[in-house]
């Protein structure tokens, strides 16, 4: 369960990603975290917070099917 502070951070990070087109990702191994060009094709896109925080967009069918239900959004 995420705290309100974590949720606020993720929502702010989504806004920054939408403004710049750059997402942050990582898996915890060497080189993490890293920046990458974000696919922003939908208002539904966003950061999911399940096992890890992951930019999730409908163009990536595998991640979308697994993580879309965990995308953090403002109410």
N, C-alpha and C. Protein backbone atom coordinates (compact mmCIF):
# COMPACT_ATOMS: atom_id res chain seq x y z
N UNK A 1 0.85 -1.19 0.00
CA UNK A 1 0.00 0.00 0.00
C UNK A 1 0.88 1.24 0.00
N UNK A 2 0.58 2.16 -0.88
CA UNK A 2 1.39 3.37 -0.96
C UNK A 2 0.84 4.45 -0.03
N UNK A 3 1.74 5.30 0.42
CA UNK A 3 1.34 6.41 1.28
C UNK A 3 0.80 7.54 0.41
N UNK A 4 0.16 8.51 1.03
CA UNK A 4 -0.33 9.67 0.30
C UNK A 4 0.83 10.45 -0.31
N UNK A 5 1.97 10.53 0.40
CA UNK A 5 3.14 11.22 -0.13
C UNK A 5 3.66 10.53 -1.39
N UNK A 6 3.69 9.20 -1.38
CA UNK A 6 4.14 8.45 -2.56
C UNK A 6 3.19 8.67 -3.73
N UNK A 7 1.90 8.65 -3.46
CA UNK A 7 0.90 8.89 -4.52
C UNK A 7 1.08 10.28 -5.10
N UNK A 8 1.26 11.28 -4.26
CA UNK A 8 1.46 12.65 -4.72
C UNK A 8 2.71 12.75 -5.60
N UNK A 9 3.78 12.06 -5.20
CA UNK A 9 5.02 12.05 -5.98
C UNK A 9 4.80 11.45 -7.35
N UNK A 10 4.13 10.31 -7.41
CA UNK A 10 3.88 9.63 -8.69
C UNK A 10 3.01 10.49 -9.60
N UNK A 11 2.01 11.15 -9.06
CA UNK A 11 1.16 12.03 -9.87
C UNK A 11 1.97 13.20 -10.42
N UNK A 12 2.86 13.77 -9.59
CA UNK A 12 3.74 14.84 -10.06
C UNK A 12 4.71 14.35 -11.13
N UNK A 13 5.20 13.13 -10.95
CA UNK A 13 6.11 12.54 -11.93
C UNK A 13 5.40 12.32 -13.26
N UNK A 14 4.15 11.92 -13.22
CA UNK A 14 3.37 11.76 -14.46
C UNK A 14 3.25 13.09 -15.18
N UNK A 15 2.97 14.16 -14.45
CA UNK A 15 2.84 15.49 -15.07
C UNK A 15 4.15 15.89 -15.72
N UNK A 16 5.27 15.66 -15.05
CA UNK A 16 6.58 15.97 -15.61
C UNK A 16 6.85 15.16 -16.87
N UNK A 17 6.49 13.89 -16.85
CA UNK A 17 6.69 13.03 -18.02
C UNK A 17 5.86 13.52 -19.19
N UNK A 18 4.63 13.92 -18.94
CA UNK A 18 3.78 14.43 -20.02
C UNK A 18 4.34 15.74 -20.59
N UNK A 19 4.93 16.59 -19.75
CA UNK A 19 5.50 17.86 -20.20
C UNK A 19 6.77 17.66 -21.02
N UNK A 20 7.59 16.68 -20.64
CA UNK A 20 8.91 16.52 -21.26
C UNK A 20 8.99 15.37 -22.25
N UNK A 21 8.08 14.39 -22.14
CA UNK A 21 8.16 13.20 -22.98
C UNK A 21 9.22 12.22 -22.52
N UNK A 22 9.75 12.44 -21.32
CA UNK A 22 10.78 11.56 -20.77
C UNK A 22 10.25 10.89 -19.51
N UNK A 23 10.40 9.57 -19.46
CA UNK A 23 9.96 8.79 -18.30
C UNK A 23 11.17 8.28 -17.55
N UNK A 24 10.97 7.91 -16.31
CA UNK A 24 12.02 7.32 -15.50
C UNK A 24 11.63 5.87 -15.25
N UNK A 25 12.59 4.99 -15.30
CA UNK A 25 12.34 3.58 -15.06
C UNK A 25 13.52 2.94 -14.38
N UNK A 26 13.37 1.72 -14.02
CA UNK A 26 14.46 0.98 -13.40
C UNK A 26 13.94 -0.31 -12.82
N UNK A 27 14.86 -1.24 -12.66
CA UNK A 27 14.48 -2.53 -12.11
C UNK A 27 15.26 -2.82 -10.83
N UNK A 28 16.14 -1.91 -10.45
CA UNK A 28 16.91 -2.11 -9.24
C UNK A 28 18.30 -2.69 -9.48
N UNK A 29 18.59 -3.05 -10.71
CA UNK A 29 19.92 -3.60 -11.01
C UNK A 29 20.84 -2.46 -11.44
N UNK A 30 22.03 -2.79 -11.88
CA UNK A 30 23.00 -1.77 -12.28
C UNK A 30 22.42 -0.88 -13.37
N UNK A 31 22.70 0.40 -13.27
CA UNK A 31 22.19 1.36 -14.24
C UNK A 31 20.82 1.90 -13.90
N UNK A 32 20.22 1.47 -12.83
CA UNK A 32 18.90 1.96 -12.45
C UNK A 32 19.04 3.08 -11.43
N UNK A 33 18.18 4.05 -11.47
CA UNK A 33 17.13 4.26 -12.47
C UNK A 33 17.71 4.83 -13.75
N UNK A 34 16.88 4.83 -14.79
CA UNK A 34 17.30 5.36 -16.08
C UNK A 34 16.16 6.17 -16.69
N UNK A 35 16.49 7.02 -17.66
CA UNK A 35 15.50 7.83 -18.36
C UNK A 35 15.28 7.24 -19.75
N UNK A 36 14.06 7.36 -20.26
CA UNK A 36 13.77 6.90 -21.62
C UNK A 36 12.64 7.72 -22.22
N UNK A 37 12.55 7.70 -23.56
CA UNK A 37 11.48 8.41 -24.25
C UNK A 37 10.17 7.69 -23.97
N UNK A 38 9.22 8.43 -23.44
CA UNK A 38 7.94 7.84 -23.06
C UNK A 38 6.96 7.86 -24.23
N UNK A 39 6.26 6.77 -24.44
CA UNK A 39 5.13 6.75 -25.35
C UNK A 39 3.95 7.35 -24.58
N UNK A 40 3.44 8.44 -25.09
CA UNK A 40 2.29 9.10 -24.45
C UNK A 40 1.21 9.19 -25.51
N UNK A 41 0.43 8.14 -25.63
CA UNK A 41 -0.58 8.07 -26.67
C UNK A 41 -1.99 8.22 -26.14
N UNK A 42 -2.13 8.31 -24.83
CA UNK A 42 -3.46 8.30 -24.25
C UNK A 42 -3.48 9.02 -22.91
N UNK A 43 -4.60 9.61 -22.58
CA UNK A 43 -4.77 10.18 -21.24
C UNK A 43 -4.76 9.08 -20.18
N UNK A 44 -5.00 7.85 -20.60
CA UNK A 44 -4.98 6.72 -19.67
C UNK A 44 -3.56 6.33 -19.27
N UNK A 45 -2.57 6.72 -20.08
CA UNK A 45 -1.17 6.40 -19.78
C UNK A 45 -0.80 6.97 -18.41
N UNK A 46 0.16 6.34 -17.77
CA UNK A 46 0.62 6.84 -16.48
C UNK A 46 1.57 5.86 -15.82
N UNK A 47 1.97 6.20 -14.61
CA UNK A 47 2.85 5.32 -13.85
C UNK A 47 2.03 4.34 -13.04
N UNK A 48 2.29 3.06 -13.27
CA UNK A 48 1.65 2.03 -12.43
C UNK A 48 2.57 1.76 -11.25
N UNK A 49 1.98 1.43 -10.15
CA UNK A 49 2.74 1.16 -8.93
C UNK A 49 2.28 -0.18 -8.37
N UNK A 50 2.89 -1.23 -8.88
CA UNK A 50 2.56 -2.57 -8.41
C UNK A 50 3.79 -3.15 -7.75
N UNK A 51 4.62 -3.86 -8.47
CA UNK A 51 5.88 -4.37 -7.92
C UNK A 51 6.94 -3.28 -8.01
N UNK A 52 6.89 -2.52 -9.10
CA UNK A 52 7.80 -1.40 -9.31
C UNK A 52 7.01 -0.29 -9.97
N UNK A 53 7.56 0.91 -9.97
CA UNK A 53 6.92 2.03 -10.65
C UNK A 53 7.32 1.97 -12.12
N UNK A 54 6.33 1.89 -13.01
CA UNK A 54 6.58 1.68 -14.43
C UNK A 54 5.68 2.57 -15.26
N UNK A 55 6.27 3.32 -16.22
CA UNK A 55 5.44 4.09 -17.15
C UNK A 55 4.67 3.09 -18.00
N UNK A 56 3.37 3.25 -18.07
CA UNK A 56 2.51 2.28 -18.74
C UNK A 56 1.64 3.00 -19.77
N UNK A 57 1.72 2.55 -21.01
CA UNK A 57 1.00 3.16 -22.12
C UNK A 57 0.34 2.05 -22.95
N UNK A 58 -0.83 2.31 -23.50
CA UNK A 58 -1.52 1.28 -24.28
C UNK A 58 -0.74 0.72 -25.46
N UNK A 59 0.28 1.42 -25.97
CA UNK A 59 1.06 0.90 -27.09
C UNK A 59 1.91 -0.30 -26.70
N UNK A 60 2.21 -0.45 -25.42
CA UNK A 60 2.96 -1.62 -24.93
C UNK A 60 1.95 -2.61 -24.38
N UNK A 61 1.46 -3.48 -25.25
CA UNK A 61 0.35 -4.37 -24.89
C UNK A 61 0.65 -5.26 -23.69
N UNK A 62 1.88 -5.75 -23.57
CA UNK A 62 2.22 -6.65 -22.46
C UNK A 62 2.12 -5.90 -21.13
N UNK A 63 2.81 -4.76 -21.02
CA UNK A 63 2.76 -3.99 -19.78
C UNK A 63 1.34 -3.47 -19.53
N UNK A 64 0.68 -3.02 -20.59
CA UNK A 64 -0.67 -2.47 -20.44
C UNK A 64 -1.62 -3.52 -19.84
N UNK A 65 -1.59 -4.71 -20.39
CA UNK A 65 -2.48 -5.77 -19.90
C UNK A 65 -2.17 -6.16 -18.46
N UNK A 66 -0.89 -6.10 -18.07
CA UNK A 66 -0.51 -6.50 -16.72
C UNK A 66 -0.66 -5.38 -15.69
N UNK A 67 -0.39 -4.12 -16.09
CA UNK A 67 -0.23 -3.07 -15.08
C UNK A 67 -1.20 -1.89 -15.19
N UNK A 68 -2.02 -1.81 -16.22
CA UNK A 68 -2.91 -0.66 -16.38
C UNK A 68 -3.82 -0.45 -15.18
N UNK A 69 -4.24 -1.53 -14.57
CA UNK A 69 -5.16 -1.38 -13.43
C UNK A 69 -4.48 -0.81 -12.19
N UNK A 70 -3.14 -0.70 -12.22
CA UNK A 70 -2.40 -0.17 -11.08
C UNK A 70 -1.91 1.26 -11.32
N UNK A 71 -2.33 1.89 -12.42
CA UNK A 71 -1.89 3.26 -12.70
C UNK A 71 -2.43 4.20 -11.63
N UNK A 72 -1.54 5.06 -11.14
CA UNK A 72 -1.88 6.00 -10.09
C UNK A 72 -2.42 7.28 -10.74
N UNK A 73 -3.61 7.68 -10.37
CA UNK A 73 -4.24 8.89 -10.89
C UNK A 73 -4.85 9.69 -9.75
N UNK A 74 -4.98 11.00 -10.00
CA UNK A 74 -5.70 11.83 -9.05
C UNK A 74 -7.18 11.46 -9.10
N UNK A 75 -7.84 11.61 -8.01
CA UNK A 75 -9.28 11.30 -7.99
C UNK A 75 -10.09 12.45 -8.52
